N, C-alpha and C. Protein backbone atom coordinates (compact mmCIF):
# COMPACT_ATOMS: atom_id res chain seq x y z
N MET A 1 171.28 38.92 -151.31
CA MET A 1 170.95 39.01 -149.89
C MET A 1 172.18 39.16 -149.02
N ARG A 2 173.34 38.87 -149.55
CA ARG A 2 174.56 38.94 -148.76
C ARG A 2 174.81 40.36 -148.23
N ASN A 3 174.39 41.39 -148.97
CA ASN A 3 174.63 42.77 -148.55
C ASN A 3 173.72 43.21 -147.40
N LEU A 4 172.74 42.42 -147.04
CA LEU A 4 171.79 42.80 -145.99
C LEU A 4 172.23 42.36 -144.60
N LYS A 5 173.38 41.75 -144.47
CA LYS A 5 173.80 41.20 -143.18
C LYS A 5 174.02 42.26 -142.11
N ASN A 6 174.56 43.40 -142.45
CA ASN A 6 174.80 44.46 -141.47
C ASN A 6 174.45 45.79 -142.10
N THR A 7 173.16 46.01 -142.30
CA THR A 7 172.68 47.24 -142.90
C THR A 7 171.59 47.83 -142.02
N VAL A 8 171.67 49.14 -141.83
CA VAL A 8 170.64 49.84 -141.07
C VAL A 8 170.21 51.07 -141.85
N GLN A 9 168.92 51.36 -141.82
CA GLN A 9 168.37 52.56 -142.45
C GLN A 9 167.56 53.29 -141.39
N LEU A 10 167.81 54.58 -141.25
CA LEU A 10 167.11 55.38 -140.25
C LEU A 10 166.66 56.71 -140.84
N ILE A 11 165.55 57.22 -140.36
CA ILE A 11 165.10 58.57 -140.67
C ILE A 11 164.89 59.27 -139.34
N GLY A 12 165.50 60.44 -139.20
CA GLY A 12 165.36 61.17 -137.95
C GLY A 12 165.93 62.57 -138.05
N ASN A 13 166.09 63.19 -136.89
CA ASN A 13 166.59 64.56 -136.81
C ASN A 13 167.94 64.60 -136.11
N ILE A 14 168.83 65.43 -136.62
CA ILE A 14 170.16 65.57 -136.05
C ILE A 14 170.04 66.20 -134.66
N GLY A 15 170.70 65.59 -133.68
CA GLY A 15 170.56 65.99 -132.29
C GLY A 15 171.45 67.15 -131.86
N GLN A 16 172.62 67.28 -132.45
CA GLN A 16 173.51 68.39 -132.11
C GLN A 16 174.35 68.71 -133.34
N ALA A 17 174.97 69.87 -133.34
CA ALA A 17 175.82 70.25 -134.47
C ALA A 17 176.90 69.19 -134.64
N PRO A 18 177.13 68.71 -135.87
CA PRO A 18 178.15 67.69 -136.08
C PRO A 18 179.53 68.15 -135.62
N GLU A 19 180.27 67.23 -135.01
CA GLU A 19 181.65 67.47 -134.58
C GLU A 19 182.56 66.96 -135.70
N ILE A 20 183.50 67.80 -136.13
CA ILE A 20 184.37 67.44 -137.25
C ILE A 20 185.82 67.44 -136.79
N LYS A 21 186.53 66.38 -137.18
CA LYS A 21 187.97 66.28 -136.91
C LYS A 21 188.68 66.01 -138.21
N GLU A 22 189.79 66.68 -138.44
CA GLU A 22 190.58 66.45 -139.64
C GLU A 22 191.89 65.79 -139.27
N PHE A 23 192.29 64.81 -140.07
CA PHE A 23 193.54 64.07 -139.88
C PHE A 23 194.35 64.20 -141.16
N GLY A 24 195.11 65.26 -141.27
CA GLY A 24 195.88 65.46 -142.49
C GLY A 24 195.00 66.01 -143.61
N GLN A 25 195.50 65.88 -144.84
CA GLN A 25 194.82 66.48 -145.97
C GLN A 25 193.57 65.73 -146.42
N ASP A 26 193.63 64.42 -146.43
CA ASP A 26 192.56 63.63 -147.05
C ASP A 26 191.66 62.90 -146.07
N LYS A 27 191.90 63.01 -144.78
CA LYS A 27 191.10 62.27 -143.80
C LYS A 27 190.26 63.23 -142.97
N MET A 28 188.97 62.94 -142.90
CA MET A 28 188.06 63.75 -142.09
C MET A 28 187.04 62.83 -141.44
N LEU A 29 186.69 63.14 -140.20
CA LEU A 29 185.71 62.38 -139.44
C LEU A 29 184.64 63.34 -138.94
N MET A 30 183.38 62.97 -139.15
CA MET A 30 182.26 63.76 -138.64
C MET A 30 181.43 62.84 -137.75
N ARG A 31 181.11 63.32 -136.55
CA ARG A 31 180.27 62.58 -135.60
C ARG A 31 179.08 63.44 -135.21
N PHE A 32 177.91 62.79 -135.08
CA PHE A 32 176.72 63.47 -134.58
C PHE A 32 175.71 62.43 -134.14
N SER A 33 174.70 62.88 -133.42
CA SER A 33 173.65 61.97 -132.98
C SER A 33 172.39 62.19 -133.82
N LEU A 34 171.61 61.13 -133.93
CA LEU A 34 170.36 61.18 -134.68
C LEU A 34 169.25 60.68 -133.78
N ALA A 35 168.15 61.44 -133.71
CA ALA A 35 166.99 61.05 -132.91
C ALA A 35 165.93 60.45 -133.83
N THR A 36 165.48 59.24 -133.50
CA THR A 36 164.37 58.63 -134.22
C THR A 36 163.21 58.49 -133.25
N ASN A 37 162.00 58.73 -133.73
CA ASN A 37 160.81 58.71 -132.88
C ASN A 37 159.87 57.59 -133.29
N GLU A 38 159.23 56.98 -132.28
CA GLU A 38 158.26 55.92 -132.51
C GLU A 38 157.05 56.19 -131.63
N SER A 39 155.85 56.08 -132.20
CA SER A 39 154.62 56.27 -131.44
C SER A 39 153.84 54.97 -131.41
N TYR A 40 153.20 54.70 -130.27
CA TYR A 40 152.38 53.51 -130.14
C TYR A 40 151.36 53.74 -129.02
N LYS A 41 150.35 52.87 -128.98
CA LYS A 41 149.35 52.91 -127.89
C LYS A 41 149.81 51.97 -126.79
N ASN A 42 149.81 52.47 -125.56
CA ASN A 42 150.19 51.61 -124.43
C ASN A 42 148.98 50.80 -123.96
N ALA A 43 149.14 50.05 -122.89
CA ALA A 43 148.08 49.17 -122.38
C ALA A 43 146.82 49.94 -121.97
N GLU A 44 146.98 51.20 -121.58
CA GLU A 44 145.83 52.02 -121.18
C GLU A 44 145.17 52.70 -122.37
N GLY A 45 145.69 52.47 -123.57
CA GLY A 45 145.10 53.07 -124.78
C GLY A 45 145.60 54.48 -125.07
N LYS A 46 146.60 54.95 -124.35
CA LYS A 46 147.15 56.29 -124.58
C LYS A 46 148.34 56.20 -125.53
N TYR A 47 148.45 57.22 -126.38
CA TYR A 47 149.59 57.26 -127.29
C TYR A 47 150.86 57.66 -126.54
N VAL A 48 151.93 56.95 -126.80
CA VAL A 48 153.23 57.20 -126.18
C VAL A 48 154.23 57.42 -127.31
N GLN A 49 155.08 58.41 -127.15
CA GLN A 49 156.13 58.63 -128.13
C GLN A 49 157.48 58.38 -127.46
N GLU A 50 158.28 57.53 -128.08
CA GLU A 50 159.62 57.22 -127.58
C GLU A 50 160.66 57.71 -128.56
N THR A 51 161.74 58.25 -128.02
CA THR A 51 162.85 58.71 -128.85
C THR A 51 164.06 57.83 -128.58
N GLN A 52 164.68 57.34 -129.65
CA GLN A 52 165.93 56.59 -129.57
C GLN A 52 167.04 57.47 -130.14
N TRP A 53 168.20 57.43 -129.50
CA TRP A 53 169.35 58.21 -129.96
C TRP A 53 170.39 57.27 -130.55
N HIS A 54 170.93 57.65 -131.70
CA HIS A 54 171.92 56.84 -132.41
C HIS A 54 173.16 57.70 -132.66
N ASN A 55 174.34 57.12 -132.44
CA ASN A 55 175.60 57.80 -132.72
C ASN A 55 176.02 57.48 -134.15
N LEU A 56 176.22 58.53 -134.96
CA LEU A 56 176.58 58.36 -136.36
C LEU A 56 177.98 58.85 -136.63
N VAL A 57 178.66 58.18 -137.57
CA VAL A 57 180.01 58.53 -137.98
C VAL A 57 180.04 58.60 -139.50
N VAL A 58 180.62 59.68 -140.04
CA VAL A 58 180.78 59.85 -141.48
C VAL A 58 182.25 60.12 -141.74
N TRP A 59 182.83 59.46 -142.76
CA TRP A 59 184.25 59.58 -143.03
C TRP A 59 184.56 60.31 -144.34
N ASN A 60 185.70 60.95 -144.39
CA ASN A 60 186.41 61.46 -145.56
C ASN A 60 185.59 62.34 -146.50
N ASN A 61 185.51 61.99 -147.79
CA ASN A 61 184.88 62.87 -148.78
C ASN A 61 183.42 63.16 -148.45
N LYS A 62 182.70 62.15 -147.99
CA LYS A 62 181.30 62.35 -147.63
C LYS A 62 181.19 63.33 -146.46
N ALA A 63 182.08 63.20 -145.48
CA ALA A 63 182.08 64.13 -144.34
C ALA A 63 182.41 65.55 -144.82
N LYS A 64 183.38 65.65 -145.71
CA LYS A 64 183.78 66.97 -146.22
C LYS A 64 182.63 67.63 -146.98
N SER A 65 181.94 66.87 -147.83
CA SER A 65 180.86 67.45 -148.63
C SER A 65 179.64 67.82 -147.78
N LEU A 66 179.44 67.13 -146.66
CA LEU A 66 178.27 67.40 -145.82
C LEU A 66 178.56 68.35 -144.66
N SER A 67 179.82 68.70 -144.46
CA SER A 67 180.20 69.47 -143.27
C SER A 67 179.50 70.83 -143.18
N LYS A 68 179.15 71.44 -144.28
CA LYS A 68 178.49 72.75 -144.26
C LYS A 68 176.97 72.63 -144.38
N THR A 69 176.47 71.42 -144.64
CA THR A 69 175.04 71.21 -144.88
C THR A 69 174.29 70.73 -143.65
N LEU A 70 174.91 69.83 -142.87
CA LEU A 70 174.22 69.23 -141.74
C LEU A 70 174.24 70.16 -140.53
N GLU A 71 173.08 70.29 -139.90
CA GLU A 71 172.98 71.13 -138.71
C GLU A 71 171.94 70.54 -137.77
N LYS A 72 172.01 70.96 -136.53
CA LYS A 72 171.09 70.48 -135.50
C LYS A 72 169.65 70.66 -135.95
N GLY A 73 168.85 69.61 -135.76
CA GLY A 73 167.42 69.67 -136.07
C GLY A 73 167.06 69.24 -137.48
N LYS A 74 168.01 69.19 -138.40
CA LYS A 74 167.73 68.83 -139.79
C LYS A 74 167.28 67.37 -139.88
N GLU A 75 166.24 67.13 -140.70
CA GLU A 75 165.74 65.77 -140.89
C GLU A 75 166.53 65.12 -142.03
N ILE A 76 167.03 63.91 -141.76
CA ILE A 76 167.81 63.18 -142.75
C ILE A 76 167.43 61.70 -142.74
N ALA A 77 167.77 61.02 -143.84
CA ALA A 77 167.69 59.57 -143.91
C ALA A 77 169.12 59.08 -144.09
N VAL A 78 169.49 58.03 -143.38
CA VAL A 78 170.84 57.48 -143.49
C VAL A 78 170.77 55.98 -143.74
N GLU A 79 171.80 55.50 -144.40
CA GLU A 79 172.00 54.06 -144.60
C GLU A 79 173.45 53.79 -144.23
N GLY A 80 173.67 52.75 -143.43
CA GLY A 80 175.03 52.44 -143.01
C GLY A 80 175.10 51.08 -142.35
N LYS A 81 176.17 50.88 -141.59
CA LYS A 81 176.35 49.62 -140.87
C LYS A 81 176.62 49.89 -139.40
N ILE A 82 176.24 48.93 -138.57
CA ILE A 82 176.43 49.04 -137.13
C ILE A 82 177.82 48.52 -136.78
N VAL A 83 178.56 49.32 -136.01
CA VAL A 83 179.90 48.95 -135.59
C VAL A 83 180.00 49.16 -134.09
N THR A 84 180.56 48.19 -133.38
CA THR A 84 180.81 48.34 -131.94
C THR A 84 182.31 48.30 -131.72
N ARG A 85 182.81 49.27 -130.98
CA ARG A 85 184.24 49.33 -130.66
C ARG A 85 184.38 49.46 -129.15
N ASN A 86 185.57 49.18 -128.65
CA ASN A 86 185.79 49.32 -127.21
C ASN A 86 187.08 50.09 -126.96
N TYR A 87 187.17 50.64 -125.76
CA TYR A 87 188.35 51.39 -125.34
C TYR A 87 188.41 51.36 -123.82
N GLU A 88 189.55 51.76 -123.27
CA GLU A 88 189.69 51.89 -121.82
C GLU A 88 189.59 53.35 -121.45
N ASP A 89 188.75 53.65 -120.44
CA ASP A 89 188.63 55.04 -120.00
C ASP A 89 189.79 55.38 -119.06
N LYS A 90 189.76 56.58 -118.52
CA LYS A 90 190.87 57.06 -117.67
C LYS A 90 191.07 56.23 -116.41
N THR A 91 190.01 55.55 -115.97
CA THR A 91 190.12 54.73 -114.75
C THR A 91 190.49 53.28 -115.06
N GLY A 92 190.69 52.96 -116.35
CA GLY A 92 191.04 51.60 -116.73
C GLY A 92 189.84 50.70 -117.00
N GLN A 93 188.63 51.26 -116.90
CA GLN A 93 187.40 50.51 -117.19
C GLN A 93 187.27 50.31 -118.69
N LYS A 94 186.88 49.13 -119.09
CA LYS A 94 186.63 48.86 -120.51
C LYS A 94 185.24 49.39 -120.86
N ARG A 95 185.16 50.21 -121.90
CA ARG A 95 183.91 50.82 -122.35
C ARG A 95 183.61 50.38 -123.77
N TYR A 96 182.33 50.29 -124.10
CA TYR A 96 181.89 49.90 -125.43
C TYR A 96 181.05 51.02 -126.03
N VAL A 97 181.23 51.25 -127.31
CA VAL A 97 180.47 52.27 -128.04
C VAL A 97 179.91 51.62 -129.30
N THR A 98 178.61 51.79 -129.53
CA THR A 98 177.99 51.31 -130.75
C THR A 98 177.66 52.52 -131.61
N GLU A 99 178.10 52.47 -132.86
CA GLU A 99 177.92 53.59 -133.79
C GLU A 99 177.40 53.07 -135.12
N ILE A 100 176.84 53.96 -135.89
CA ILE A 100 176.45 53.65 -137.26
C ILE A 100 177.42 54.38 -138.18
N VAL A 101 178.17 53.61 -138.95
CA VAL A 101 179.08 54.18 -139.93
C VAL A 101 178.25 54.40 -141.19
N VAL A 102 178.09 55.66 -141.57
CA VAL A 102 177.17 56.05 -142.64
C VAL A 102 177.80 55.83 -144.01
N ASN A 103 177.03 55.18 -144.89
CA ASN A 103 177.43 55.01 -146.29
C ASN A 103 176.74 56.03 -147.18
N ASP A 104 175.49 56.39 -146.83
CA ASP A 104 174.72 57.30 -147.67
C ASP A 104 173.80 58.14 -146.80
N ILE A 105 173.65 59.40 -147.18
CA ILE A 105 172.76 60.33 -146.46
C ILE A 105 171.87 61.02 -147.48
N LEU A 106 170.60 61.16 -147.12
CA LEU A 106 169.65 61.89 -147.94
C LEU A 106 169.07 63.01 -147.08
N LEU A 107 169.19 64.25 -147.53
CA LEU A 107 168.63 65.38 -146.81
C LEU A 107 167.14 65.42 -147.10
N LEU A 108 166.31 65.45 -146.06
CA LEU A 108 164.86 65.37 -146.25
C LEU A 108 164.17 66.70 -146.04
N GLY A 109 163.88 67.02 -144.81
CA GLY A 109 163.11 68.21 -144.52
C GLY A 109 163.97 69.37 -144.13
N HIS A 110 163.30 70.43 -143.75
CA HIS A 110 163.99 71.60 -143.25
C HIS A 110 164.13 71.48 -141.74
N LYS A 111 165.00 72.28 -141.19
CA LYS A 111 165.17 72.36 -139.75
C LYS A 111 163.84 72.82 -139.14
N PRO A 112 163.34 72.12 -138.12
CA PRO A 112 162.06 72.53 -137.52
C PRO A 112 162.16 73.93 -136.89
N ALA A 113 161.05 74.66 -136.95
CA ALA A 113 161.00 76.01 -136.36
C ALA A 113 161.13 75.91 -134.86
N ALA A 114 161.89 76.82 -134.25
CA ALA A 114 162.12 76.80 -132.81
C ALA A 114 160.92 77.28 -132.03
């Protein structure tokens, strides 16, 4: 049970083309957003669909191997951990970012038809 302390699993669609940054020969960072959808009945009995957006980060070899496969709209399943970091913006304001650092990705469906 110790491994379950900071684990998240999501299934959704990639929101935009992944952004890739390379740092030397062996370091690579890939960032993209993932949309997950939830449907439920509201108090009036009508179905409502809500979309949540998640910021995902993939590092090094996994990023390199997936860089040509992942594209906007593709359905994937991910497993990773939640990480919150902070930084100062240009005005000196402290900002916080919550991301999911991906450990594993499973390609599921095809890109939905436009």
